[in-house]
N, C-alpha and C. Protein backbone atom coordinates (compact mmCIF):
# COMPACT_ATOMS: atom_id res chain seq x y z
N UNK A 1 106.21 113.01 99.04
CA UNK A 1 106.18 113.51 97.82
C UNK A 1 105.81 114.80 97.68
N UNK A 2 106.82 115.68 97.13
CA UNK A 2 106.57 117.18 97.13
C UNK A 2 105.38 117.69 96.31
N UNK A 3 105.09 118.99 96.52
CA UNK A 3 103.84 119.61 96.04
C UNK A 3 104.27 119.26 94.18
N UNK A 4 103.32 119.41 93.59
CA UNK A 4 103.34 119.06 92.29
C UNK A 4 103.86 120.23 91.54
N UNK A 5 104.68 120.36 90.34
CA UNK A 5 104.76 121.68 89.82
C UNK A 5 103.36 121.91 88.90
N UNK A 6 103.23 123.26 88.59
CA UNK A 6 102.34 123.81 87.92
C UNK A 6 102.42 124.08 86.74
N UNK A 7 102.23 123.20 85.71
CA UNK A 7 102.81 123.51 83.92
C UNK A 7 102.19 124.65 83.51
N UNK A 8 102.96 125.31 82.86
CA UNK A 8 102.94 126.81 82.35
C UNK A 8 103.01 127.82 83.16
N UNK A 9 103.52 127.53 84.58
CA UNK A 9 103.31 128.72 85.31
C UNK A 9 104.90 129.25 85.71
N UNK A 10 105.00 130.84 85.44
CA UNK A 10 106.24 131.18 85.54
C UNK A 10 106.56 131.50 87.17
N UNK A 11 105.54 131.68 87.94
CA UNK A 11 105.85 131.65 89.30
C UNK A 11 104.93 130.77 89.88
N UNK A 12 105.43 129.85 90.92
CA UNK A 12 104.72 129.10 91.97
C UNK A 12 104.21 129.36 93.27
N UNK A 13 102.90 129.41 93.19
CA UNK A 13 102.32 129.96 94.51
C UNK A 13 102.56 129.07 95.63
N UNK A 14 102.02 129.53 96.81
CA UNK A 14 102.07 128.64 98.07
C UNK A 14 100.80 128.04 98.53
N UNK A 15 100.81 126.71 98.59
CA UNK A 15 99.63 126.03 98.95
C UNK A 15 99.41 125.38 100.26
N UNK A 16 98.78 126.05 101.06
CA UNK A 16 98.60 125.56 102.44
C UNK A 16 97.33 125.13 102.91
N UNK A 17 97.10 123.82 103.53
CA UNK A 17 95.94 123.22 103.76
C UNK A 17 95.89 123.09 105.31
N UNK A 18 94.91 123.44 105.71
CA UNK A 18 94.64 123.19 107.29
C UNK A 18 93.68 121.99 107.41
N UNK A 19 94.04 121.01 108.33
CA UNK A 19 93.51 119.98 108.81
C UNK A 19 93.23 119.66 110.21
N UNK A 20 92.42 118.66 110.51
CA UNK A 20 92.01 118.45 111.88
C UNK A 20 90.58 118.05 112.10
N UNK A 21 90.42 117.59 113.23
CA UNK A 21 88.92 117.22 113.64
C UNK A 21 87.89 118.47 113.53
N UNK A 22 86.59 118.09 113.66
CA UNK A 22 85.77 119.17 114.02
C UNK A 22 85.95 119.78 115.05
N UNK A 23 86.11 121.37 115.04
CA UNK A 23 86.17 121.91 116.35
C UNK A 23 87.42 122.10 116.57
N UNK A 24 88.54 121.86 115.67
CA UNK A 24 89.82 122.37 115.76
C UNK A 24 90.29 123.67 115.75
N UNK A 25 89.37 124.57 115.24
CA UNK A 25 89.39 126.07 115.21
C UNK A 25 90.22 126.23 113.74
N UNK A 26 90.10 125.35 112.78
CA UNK A 26 90.96 125.76 111.45
C UNK A 26 90.21 127.17 110.97
N UNK A 27 88.99 127.53 110.87
CA UNK A 27 88.46 128.53 110.31
C UNK A 27 89.03 129.74 110.90
N UNK A 28 89.22 129.77 112.49
CA UNK A 28 89.71 131.20 113.05
C UNK A 28 91.42 131.16 112.96
N UNK A 29 92.02 130.14 112.51
CA UNK A 29 93.52 130.41 112.37
C UNK A 29 93.66 130.47 111.02
N UNK A 30 92.98 130.12 109.85
CA UNK A 30 92.95 130.56 108.58
C UNK A 30 92.78 132.09 108.22
N UNK A 31 91.80 132.77 109.35
CA UNK A 31 91.58 134.07 108.99
C UNK A 31 92.69 134.81 109.76
N UNK A 32 93.20 134.55 110.72
CA UNK A 32 94.33 135.24 111.65
C UNK A 32 95.53 135.05 110.40
N UNK A 33 95.84 133.70 109.65
CA UNK A 33 96.86 133.51 108.75
C UNK A 33 96.73 134.77 107.52
N UNK A 34 95.30 134.75 107.20
CA UNK A 34 95.20 135.59 105.70
C UNK A 34 95.49 136.93 106.31
N UNK A 35 95.10 137.46 107.27
CA UNK A 35 95.45 139.04 107.70
C UNK A 35 96.85 139.23 107.62
N UNK A 36 97.62 138.16 108.18
CA UNK A 36 99.27 138.41 108.05
C UNK A 36 99.77 138.23 106.91
N UNK A 37 99.52 137.07 105.96
CA UNK A 37 99.87 137.20 104.62
C UNK A 37 99.57 138.39 103.90
N UNK A 38 98.55 139.02 103.90
CA UNK A 38 98.35 140.20 103.38
C UNK A 38 99.32 141.32 103.54
N UNK A 39 99.88 141.11 104.78
CA UNK A 39 100.99 142.38 105.12
C UNK A 39 102.24 142.04 104.62
N UNK A 40 102.24 140.88 103.79
CA UNK A 40 103.49 140.46 103.09
C UNK A 40 103.65 140.64 101.65
N UNK A 41 102.67 141.59 101.47
CA UNK A 41 102.30 141.98 99.70
C UNK A 41 102.24 140.72 98.73
N UNK A 42 100.99 139.69 99.34
CA UNK A 42 100.79 138.61 98.61
C UNK A 42 99.38 138.61 98.46
N UNK A 43 99.06 138.01 97.12
CA UNK A 43 97.58 137.91 97.18
C UNK A 43 97.50 136.43 97.92
N UNK A 44 95.88 136.60 98.58
CA UNK A 44 95.55 135.36 99.37
C UNK A 44 94.41 135.13 98.88
N UNK A 45 94.12 133.54 98.68
CA UNK A 45 92.83 133.01 98.21
C UNK A 45 92.47 132.08 99.45
N UNK A 46 91.46 132.35 100.12
CA UNK A 46 91.04 131.62 101.05
C UNK A 46 89.57 130.57 100.73
N UNK A 47 89.95 129.39 100.90
CA UNK A 47 88.82 128.42 100.19
C UNK A 47 88.61 127.26 101.11
N UNK A 48 87.72 126.23 100.84
CA UNK A 48 87.27 125.18 101.65
C UNK A 48 86.83 124.28 100.88
N UNK A 49 87.14 123.14 101.35
CA UNK A 49 86.57 121.56 101.05
C UNK A 49 85.63 120.92 101.97
N UNK A 50 84.52 120.56 101.18
CA UNK A 50 83.87 120.98 100.30
C UNK A 50 83.08 122.33 100.29
N UNK A 51 82.62 122.81 98.99
CA UNK A 51 81.94 124.36 99.09
C UNK A 51 82.81 125.14 98.53
N UNK A 52 83.88 125.10 98.09
CA UNK A 52 84.89 126.28 97.50
C UNK A 52 84.35 126.70 96.15
N UNK A 53 83.57 126.09 95.48
CA UNK A 53 83.19 126.58 94.29
C UNK A 53 81.41 126.19 94.02
N UNK A 54 80.73 127.00 93.12
CA UNK A 54 79.21 126.69 93.17
C UNK A 54 78.98 125.30 93.07
N UNK A 55 79.72 124.54 92.31
CA UNK A 55 79.51 122.99 92.29
C UNK A 55 79.72 122.49 93.66
N UNK A 56 80.89 122.80 94.29
CA UNK A 56 81.20 122.41 95.59
C UNK A 56 80.04 122.49 96.56
N UNK A 57 79.56 123.71 96.66
CA UNK A 57 78.39 124.20 97.52
C UNK A 57 77.22 123.23 97.48
N UNK A 58 76.87 122.65 96.21
CA UNK A 58 75.98 121.60 95.97
C UNK A 58 76.33 120.32 96.76
N UNK A 59 77.34 119.97 96.21
CA UNK A 59 77.95 118.72 96.80
C UNK A 59 78.07 118.88 98.48
N UNK A 60 78.56 119.81 98.94
CA UNK A 60 78.56 119.86 100.53
C UNK A 60 77.08 119.96 101.05
N UNK A 61 76.07 120.32 100.24
CA UNK A 61 74.84 120.19 100.76
C UNK A 61 74.26 118.66 100.95
N UNK A 62 74.83 118.11 99.99
CA UNK A 62 74.44 116.48 99.83
C UNK A 62 75.13 115.75 100.87
N UNK A 63 76.72 116.02 101.05
CA UNK A 63 77.04 114.93 101.90
C UNK A 63 77.03 115.22 103.48
N UNK A 64 77.03 116.84 103.68
CA UNK A 64 76.95 117.09 105.14
C UNK A 64 75.65 117.37 105.58
N UNK A 65 75.00 117.59 104.68
CA UNK A 65 73.26 118.48 105.18
C UNK A 65 72.24 117.47 104.83
N UNK A 66 72.37 116.36 103.88
CA UNK A 66 71.62 115.64 103.20
C UNK A 66 71.13 114.40 104.06
N UNK A 67 70.37 113.16 103.26
CA UNK A 67 70.03 112.22 103.81
C UNK A 67 71.26 111.14 103.90
N UNK A 68 71.34 110.08 104.44
CA UNK A 68 72.27 108.89 104.32
C UNK A 68 72.92 108.81 103.18
N UNK A 69 74.30 108.96 103.12
CA UNK A 69 75.00 108.57 101.92
C UNK A 69 75.92 107.26 102.13
N UNK A 70 75.84 106.35 101.28
CA UNK A 70 76.79 105.10 101.44
C UNK A 70 78.05 105.76 101.41
N UNK A 71 78.90 104.77 102.11
CA UNK A 71 80.35 105.42 102.54
C UNK A 71 81.36 105.42 101.05
N UNK A 72 81.19 104.61 100.14
CA UNK A 72 81.94 104.80 98.80
C UNK A 72 81.37 105.70 98.03
N UNK A 73 80.01 105.99 98.04
CA UNK A 73 79.59 107.14 97.34
C UNK A 73 79.93 108.49 97.84
N UNK A 74 79.85 108.50 99.23
CA UNK A 74 80.62 109.57 100.10
C UNK A 74 82.04 110.12 99.53
N UNK A 75 82.68 109.12 99.44
CA UNK A 75 84.08 109.31 99.25
C UNK A 75 84.56 109.89 97.76
N UNK A 76 83.58 109.30 96.67
CA UNK A 76 83.53 109.78 95.47
C UNK A 76 83.06 111.00 95.43
N UNK A 77 81.84 111.38 95.99
CA UNK A 77 81.39 112.97 96.11
C UNK A 77 82.54 113.88 96.42
N UNK A 78 83.25 113.73 97.56
CA UNK A 78 84.17 114.46 98.07
C UNK A 78 85.35 114.36 97.03
N UNK A 79 85.77 113.48 96.47
CA UNK A 79 86.78 113.43 95.46
C UNK A 79 86.26 114.33 94.14
N UNK A 80 85.04 114.18 93.74
CA UNK A 80 84.77 114.97 92.78
C UNK A 80 84.66 116.43 93.03
N UNK A 81 84.27 116.73 94.08
CA UNK A 81 84.43 118.35 94.75
C UNK A 81 85.80 118.61 94.31
N UNK A 82 86.69 117.60 95.17
CA UNK A 82 88.16 118.12 94.99
C UNK A 82 88.43 118.34 93.50
N UNK A 83 88.39 117.24 92.83
CA UNK A 83 89.05 117.24 91.40
C UNK A 83 88.43 118.92 90.84
N UNK A 84 87.31 119.37 90.77
CA UNK A 84 86.75 120.37 90.21
C UNK A 84 87.25 121.68 90.94
N UNK A 85 87.30 121.67 92.37
CA UNK A 85 87.84 122.61 92.91
C UNK A 85 89.22 123.15 92.47
N UNK A 86 90.07 122.10 92.57
CA UNK A 86 91.74 122.30 92.14
C UNK A 86 91.71 122.73 90.66
N UNK A 87 90.93 122.18 89.81
CA UNK A 87 91.10 122.58 88.40
C UNK A 87 90.64 123.99 88.15
N UNK A 88 89.53 124.45 88.77
CA UNK A 88 88.93 125.65 88.52
C UNK A 88 89.09 126.79 89.59
N UNK A 89 89.70 126.37 90.65
CA UNK A 89 90.13 127.43 91.71
C UNK A 89 91.83 127.55 92.08
N UNK A 90 91.99 126.46 92.58
CA UNK A 90 93.46 126.28 93.40
C UNK A 90 94.56 126.46 92.11
N UNK A 91 94.34 125.49 91.12
CA UNK A 91 95.52 125.64 90.21
C UNK A 91 95.78 127.22 89.65
N UNK A 92 94.71 127.48 89.13
CA UNK A 92 94.71 129.10 88.58
C UNK A 92 95.37 130.03 89.66
N UNK A 93 94.62 129.86 91.09
CA UNK A 93 95.35 130.61 91.79
C UNK A 93 97.04 130.47 92.16
N UNK A 94 97.40 129.29 92.29
CA UNK A 94 98.79 128.80 92.28
C UNK A 94 99.64 129.47 91.31
N UNK A 95 98.97 129.43 89.78
CA UNK A 95 99.89 129.84 88.61
C UNK A 95 100.01 131.35 88.86
N UNK A 96 98.97 132.19 89.39
CA UNK A 96 99.26 133.56 89.59
C UNK A 96 100.13 133.85 90.50
N UNK A 97 100.60 132.80 91.41
CA UNK A 97 101.65 133.04 92.47
C UNK A 97 100.93 133.40 93.68
N UNK A 98 99.74 133.18 93.97
CA UNK A 98 98.76 133.34 95.08
C UNK A 98 99.14 132.33 96.31
N UNK A 99 98.76 132.86 97.54
CA UNK A 99 98.98 132.20 98.53
C UNK A 99 97.58 131.54 98.88
N UNK A 100 97.35 130.12 98.55
CA UNK A 100 96.05 129.46 98.92
C UNK A 100 96.22 129.18 100.15
N UNK A 101 95.15 129.36 101.09
CA UNK A 101 94.92 128.94 102.49
C UNK A 101 93.46 128.16 102.30
N UNK A 102 93.56 126.99 102.60
CA UNK A 102 92.29 125.82 102.39
C UNK A 102 92.03 125.06 103.68
N UNK A 103 90.64 125.19 103.98
CA UNK A 103 90.05 124.70 105.02
C UNK A 103 89.72 123.08 104.61
N UNK A 104 90.58 122.23 104.93
CA UNK A 104 90.49 120.62 104.64
C UNK A 104 90.84 120.49 102.98
N UNK A 105 91.59 119.25 102.89
CA UNK A 105 92.16 119.11 101.65
C UNK A 105 91.95 117.46 101.70
N UNK A 106 92.74 116.78 100.64
CA UNK A 106 92.62 115.19 100.82
C UNK A 106 92.74 114.33 101.90
N UNK A 107 93.64 115.00 103.11
CA UNK A 107 93.78 114.24 103.87
C UNK A 107 92.55 114.05 104.80
N UNK A 108 91.53 115.08 104.73
CA UNK A 108 90.40 115.01 105.41
C UNK A 108 89.54 113.61 104.79
N UNK A 109 89.60 113.43 103.77
CA UNK A 109 88.91 112.22 103.00
C UNK A 109 89.70 110.84 103.23
N UNK A 110 91.19 111.18 103.48
CA UNK A 110 91.97 109.77 103.79
C UNK A 110 91.44 109.41 105.20
N UNK A 111 91.31 110.50 106.12
CA UNK A 111 90.93 110.07 107.36
C UNK A 111 89.33 109.84 107.94
N UNK A 112 88.45 110.65 107.16
CA UNK A 112 87.10 110.50 107.26
C UNK A 112 86.45 109.30 106.65
N UNK A 113 86.72 109.25 105.14
CA UNK A 113 86.33 108.08 104.73
C UNK A 113 87.14 107.12 104.66
N UNK A 114 88.33 107.09 104.87
CA UNK A 114 89.01 105.99 105.03
C UNK A 114 89.05 105.48 106.48
N UNK A 115 89.83 105.96 107.46
CA UNK A 115 89.76 105.35 108.67
C UNK A 115 88.52 105.46 109.37
N UNK A 116 87.48 106.42 109.15
CA UNK A 116 86.36 106.70 109.80
C UNK A 116 85.26 105.73 109.21
N UNK A 117 85.36 105.64 108.01
CA UNK A 117 84.34 104.81 107.21
C UNK A 117 84.67 103.37 107.00
N UNK A 118 85.96 103.03 107.52
CA UNK A 118 86.51 101.69 107.39
C UNK A 118 86.69 101.30 105.93
N UNK A 119 86.92 102.25 104.88
CA UNK A 119 87.55 102.02 103.69
C UNK A 119 88.82 101.98 103.66
N UNK A 120 89.19 101.63 102.52
CA UNK A 120 90.79 101.53 102.32
C UNK A 120 91.56 102.75 102.22
N UNK A 121 92.44 103.39 103.09
CA UNK A 121 92.90 104.76 103.25
C UNK A 121 93.64 104.67 101.77
N UNK A 122 94.42 104.04 101.43
CA UNK A 122 95.31 104.00 100.25
C UNK A 122 94.62 104.16 99.02
N UNK A 123 93.41 103.54 99.05
CA UNK A 123 92.38 103.75 97.87
C UNK A 123 91.89 104.98 97.72
N UNK A 124 91.55 105.51 98.70
CA UNK A 124 91.01 106.67 98.94
C UNK A 124 91.91 107.97 98.55
N UNK A 125 93.01 107.77 98.78
CA UNK A 125 94.21 108.68 98.54
C UNK A 125 94.35 108.70 97.04
N UNK A 126 94.58 107.50 96.57
CA UNK A 126 94.72 107.40 95.27
C UNK A 126 93.58 108.05 94.20
N UNK A 127 92.45 108.08 94.65
CA UNK A 127 91.50 108.53 94.00
C UNK A 127 91.63 109.98 94.03
N UNK A 128 91.92 110.51 95.15
CA UNK A 128 92.20 112.18 95.27
C UNK A 128 93.23 112.36 94.31
N UNK A 129 94.35 111.83 94.38
CA UNK A 129 95.61 112.10 93.64
C UNK A 129 95.34 112.03 92.13
N UNK A 130 94.67 110.89 91.85
CA UNK A 130 94.02 110.95 90.49
C UNK A 130 93.46 112.26 90.14
N UNK A 131 92.23 112.60 90.76
CA UNK A 131 91.26 113.62 90.44
C UNK A 131 92.10 115.21 90.50
N UNK A 132 93.17 115.48 91.45
CA UNK A 132 94.04 116.59 91.62
C UNK A 132 95.24 116.44 90.50
N UNK A 133 95.47 115.40 90.00
CA UNK A 133 96.91 115.46 89.40
C UNK A 133 98.11 115.46 90.02
N UNK A 134 97.64 114.89 91.12
CA UNK A 134 98.75 114.84 92.15
C UNK A 134 99.13 116.19 92.88
N UNK A 135 98.19 117.12 93.06
CA UNK A 135 98.59 118.36 93.73
C UNK A 135 98.62 118.09 95.27
N UNK A 136 99.75 118.38 95.83
CA UNK A 136 99.69 118.46 97.22
C UNK A 136 99.95 119.48 97.82
N UNK A 137 99.67 119.91 98.90
CA UNK A 137 99.85 121.20 99.76
C UNK A 137 101.29 121.35 99.85
N UNK A 138 102.09 122.46 99.86
CA UNK A 138 103.37 122.75 100.31
C UNK A 138 103.66 122.37 101.86
N UNK A 139 102.48 122.87 102.57
CA UNK A 139 102.33 122.77 103.97
C UNK A 139 100.93 122.19 104.41
N UNK A 140 100.86 121.46 105.30
CA UNK A 140 99.91 121.22 105.70
C UNK A 140 99.88 121.64 107.30
N UNK A 141 98.87 122.28 107.99
CA UNK A 141 98.81 122.46 109.32
C UNK A 141 97.65 121.53 109.88
N UNK A 142 98.04 120.84 110.88
CA UNK A 142 97.31 119.94 111.42
C UNK A 142 96.86 120.46 112.86
N UNK A 143 95.82 120.80 113.12
CA UNK A 143 95.30 121.22 114.15
C UNK A 143 94.53 119.97 115.21
N UNK A 144 95.50 119.50 116.09
CA UNK A 144 95.02 118.32 116.83
C UNK A 144 94.04 118.45 117.91
N UNK A 145 92.93 118.03 117.77
CA UNK A 145 91.78 118.05 118.69
C UNK A 145 91.29 116.83 119.24
N UNK A 146 90.92 116.63 120.50
CA UNK A 146 90.41 115.42 121.10
C UNK A 146 88.75 115.32 120.54
N UNK A 147 88.12 114.30 120.28
CA UNK A 147 86.80 114.18 120.22
C UNK A 147 85.96 115.16 121.30
N UNK A 148 86.54 114.64 122.50
CA UNK A 148 85.67 115.59 123.57
C UNK A 148 85.76 117.14 123.36
N UNK A 149 86.91 117.75 123.22
CA UNK A 149 87.04 119.05 123.16
C UNK A 149 86.25 119.47 122.00
N UNK A 150 86.35 118.91 120.86
CA UNK A 150 85.89 119.18 119.46
C UNK A 150 84.33 119.20 119.74
N UNK A 151 83.50 118.41 120.56
CA UNK A 151 82.36 118.39 120.63
C UNK A 151 81.80 119.46 121.55
N UNK A 152 82.84 119.83 122.83
CA UNK A 152 82.28 121.00 123.54
C UNK A 152 82.38 122.19 122.58
N UNK A 153 83.15 122.46 121.96
CA UNK A 153 83.22 123.61 120.99
C UNK A 153 82.32 123.65 119.97
N UNK A 154 81.87 122.60 119.50
CA UNK A 154 80.74 122.67 118.43
C UNK A 154 79.15 123.13 118.84
N UNK A 155 79.21 122.83 120.21
CA UNK A 155 77.95 123.14 120.95
C UNK A 155 76.65 122.29 120.21
N UNK A 156 75.61 122.76 119.98
CA UNK A 156 74.52 122.29 119.43
C UNK A 156 74.35 121.98 117.94
N UNK A 157 75.22 122.44 117.43
CA UNK A 157 75.36 122.49 115.57
C UNK A 157 76.11 121.46 115.19
N UNK A 158 75.64 120.43 114.62
CA UNK A 158 76.44 119.08 114.02
C UNK A 158 75.76 118.92 112.78
N UNK A 159 76.71 118.70 111.68
CA UNK A 159 76.35 118.12 110.24
C UNK A 159 76.54 116.67 110.40
N UNK A 160 76.38 115.88 109.31
CA UNK A 160 76.34 114.45 109.05
C UNK A 160 77.62 113.86 109.74
N UNK A 161 78.49 114.55 109.51
CA UNK A 161 80.02 113.66 110.00
C UNK A 161 80.16 114.24 111.64
N UNK A 162 79.80 115.36 112.02
CA UNK A 162 79.98 115.76 113.17
C UNK A 162 79.33 114.88 114.21
N UNK A 163 78.00 114.56 113.63
CA UNK A 163 76.99 113.60 114.62
C UNK A 163 77.60 112.30 115.13
N UNK A 164 78.55 111.93 114.37
CA UNK A 164 79.29 110.52 114.48
C UNK A 164 79.94 110.55 115.86
N UNK A 165 79.99 109.26 116.37
CA UNK A 165 80.48 109.05 117.70
C UNK A 165 82.07 109.17 117.89
N UNK A 166 82.11 109.32 119.40
CA UNK A 166 83.47 109.82 119.82
C UNK A 166 84.52 108.71 119.19
N UNK A 167 84.25 107.44 118.97
CA UNK A 167 85.07 106.32 118.56
C UNK A 167 85.43 106.65 117.14
N UNK A 168 84.31 107.13 116.23
CA UNK A 168 84.80 107.40 115.02
C UNK A 168 85.74 108.63 114.99
N UNK A 169 85.60 109.58 115.77
CA UNK A 169 86.32 110.87 115.66
C UNK A 169 87.66 110.47 116.17
N UNK A 170 87.88 109.52 117.03
CA UNK A 170 89.05 109.10 117.78
C UNK A 170 89.82 108.47 116.35
N UNK A 171 89.06 107.69 115.82
CA UNK A 171 89.85 107.16 114.54
C UNK A 171 90.46 107.91 113.64
N UNK A 172 89.69 109.01 113.43
CA UNK A 172 89.98 109.79 112.52
C UNK A 172 91.09 110.75 112.89
N UNK A 173 91.25 111.32 113.99
CA UNK A 173 92.23 111.90 114.66
C UNK A 173 93.37 111.04 114.64
N UNK A 174 93.57 109.76 115.01
CA UNK A 174 94.82 109.06 115.10
C UNK A 174 95.28 108.73 113.54
N UNK A 175 94.34 108.71 112.59
CA UNK A 175 94.89 108.73 111.12
C UNK A 175 95.43 109.97 110.67
N UNK A 176 94.90 111.14 111.14
CA UNK A 176 95.50 112.29 110.75
C UNK A 176 96.87 112.49 111.30
N UNK A 177 96.96 112.16 112.82
CA UNK A 177 98.34 111.98 113.27
C UNK A 177 99.39 111.01 112.75
N UNK A 178 98.89 110.05 112.14
CA UNK A 178 99.64 108.99 111.65
C UNK A 178 100.11 109.56 109.73
N UNK A 179 99.31 110.38 109.45
CA UNK A 179 99.58 110.96 108.06
C UNK A 179 100.67 111.99 108.28
N UNK A 180 100.67 112.83 109.20
CA UNK A 180 101.51 113.94 109.67
C UNK A 180 102.95 113.14 110.01
N UNK A 181 102.95 112.12 110.79
CA UNK A 181 103.96 111.20 111.15
C UNK A 181 104.63 110.88 110.11
N UNK A 182 104.29 110.37 108.90
CA UNK A 182 104.64 109.78 107.91
C UNK A 182 105.47 110.42 106.80
N UNK A 183 105.17 111.78 106.97
CA UNK A 183 105.77 112.93 106.06
C UNK A 183 106.13 114.22 106.90
N UNK A 184 106.64 114.01 108.21
CA UNK A 184 106.89 115.26 108.80
C UNK A 184 107.37 116.53 108.44
N UNK A 185 108.07 116.41 107.13
CA UNK A 185 108.57 117.61 106.62
C UNK A 185 107.41 118.39 105.93
N UNK A 186 106.36 117.70 105.74
CA UNK A 186 105.30 118.51 105.10
C UNK A 186 104.13 118.81 106.11
N UNK A 187 104.36 118.83 107.07
CA UNK A 187 103.12 118.90 108.36
C UNK A 187 103.65 119.79 109.48
N UNK A 188 102.77 120.66 109.95
CA UNK A 188 103.08 121.39 111.23
C UNK A 188 101.85 120.66 112.08
N UNK A 189 102.17 120.14 112.94
CA UNK A 189 101.15 119.40 114.10
C UNK A 189 101.04 120.43 115.10
N UNK A 190 99.93 121.04 115.61
CA UNK A 190 99.72 122.09 116.70
C UNK A 190 98.71 121.46 117.53
N UNK A 191 98.96 121.50 118.67
CA UNK A 191 98.01 121.34 119.90
C UNK A 191 96.82 122.39 119.90
N UNK A 192 95.54 122.16 119.51
CA UNK A 192 94.59 122.88 119.31
C UNK A 192 94.08 123.54 120.51
N UNK A 193 94.37 122.90 121.79
CA UNK A 193 94.17 123.48 122.85
C UNK A 193 94.89 124.46 123.49
N UNK A 194 95.91 124.88 122.78
CA UNK A 194 96.78 126.03 123.00
C UNK A 194 95.88 127.26 122.89
N UNK A 195 96.34 128.57 123.42
CA UNK A 195 95.57 129.69 123.34
C UNK A 195 95.84 130.00 121.93
N UNK A 196 94.68 130.85 121.32
CA UNK A 196 94.48 131.10 120.08
C UNK A 196 95.81 131.70 119.26
N UNK A 197 96.08 132.77 120.43
CA UNK A 197 97.17 133.63 119.69
C UNK A 197 98.41 132.83 119.75
N UNK A 198 98.70 131.82 120.58
CA UNK A 198 99.81 131.22 120.63
C UNK A 198 99.85 130.08 119.18
N UNK A 199 98.79 129.58 118.91
CA UNK A 199 98.70 128.85 117.90
C UNK A 199 99.08 129.71 116.65
N UNK A 200 98.44 130.91 116.39
CA UNK A 200 98.65 131.55 115.38
C UNK A 200 100.01 132.14 115.10
N UNK A 201 100.88 132.30 116.23
CA UNK A 201 102.07 132.54 116.22
C UNK A 201 103.02 131.42 115.71
N UNK A 202 102.75 130.23 116.05
CA UNK A 202 103.52 128.97 115.54
C UNK A 202 103.20 129.04 114.13
N UNK A 203 102.12 128.95 113.58
CA UNK A 203 101.51 128.96 112.37
C UNK A 203 102.16 130.03 111.30
N UNK A 204 102.26 131.19 111.93
CA UNK A 204 102.72 132.27 111.30
C UNK A 204 104.37 131.98 111.06
N UNK A 205 105.03 131.63 111.99
CA UNK A 205 106.45 131.36 111.83
C UNK A 205 106.79 130.36 110.79
N UNK A 206 106.07 129.21 110.71
CA UNK A 206 106.34 128.34 109.66
C UNK A 206 105.96 128.52 108.30
N UNK A 207 104.78 129.43 108.46
CA UNK A 207 104.44 129.97 107.01
C UNK A 207 105.47 130.84 106.47
N UNK A 208 105.94 131.62 107.40
CA UNK A 208 106.86 132.67 106.87
C UNK A 208 108.00 131.87 106.27
N UNK A 209 108.63 130.81 106.80
CA UNK A 209 109.74 129.91 106.14
C UNK A 209 109.18 129.55 104.83
N UNK A 210 107.82 129.30 104.70
CA UNK A 210 107.43 128.44 103.48
C UNK A 210 107.58 129.72 102.28
N UNK A 211 107.07 130.85 102.70
CA UNK A 211 106.93 131.88 101.75
C UNK A 211 108.46 132.34 101.49
N UNK A 212 109.19 132.41 102.55
CA UNK A 212 110.72 132.62 102.01
C UNK A 212 111.22 131.59 100.90
N UNK A 213 111.09 130.51 101.12
CA UNK A 213 111.22 129.58 100.06
C UNK A 213 110.84 129.68 98.96
N UNK A 214 109.52 130.21 98.92
CA UNK A 214 108.91 130.59 97.51
C UNK A 214 109.31 131.69 96.77
N UNK A 215 110.02 132.71 97.67
CA UNK A 215 110.73 134.02 97.00
C UNK A 215 112.09 133.64 96.55
N UNK A 216 112.62 132.37 96.95
CA UNK A 216 114.03 132.26 96.44
C UNK A 216 114.19 131.76 94.86
């Protein structure tokens, strides 16, 4: 399914999500891409889920740094953050024609709460599609990282999800890859073990194509 049109907008921005396991290097690659997009004379909005809005920051504290949260409650909290985030930050930016670079979107819920928590991934997806009025990224950059590499990169700092077992993170990883394989035209899968500069170049080339389509 292509990215949804944005009602009432004369110019459609470009929505790019970065996904992948913990420790994949999403933050680093988003910053590299932000600097490049600015050279293209485009407005850039960098955000994340959860935590891209004041409400999202409160939800982030609950689901990542608080006490145990039941799996279905966890999925609902992430979906609530996503619905508010899209309505108040992402859609307005896209309506202005901005390039939105986002650290995690609905694929994270599908993989972590669906495959990871053993909920129905399709139900988790439907919840997010309803909450966002079916807004999907024009491009999702999937940084593929093994659980072992991710754990090494994170060091001693772990939130509630990062503390899960390698088996949990491998289920999440495989579901990310399955999502990308099912709609390959919307994804760019990159080996997160490659040198940072090489990853940045691969991502930049694909984003340049997306921006070119947006200018047509």
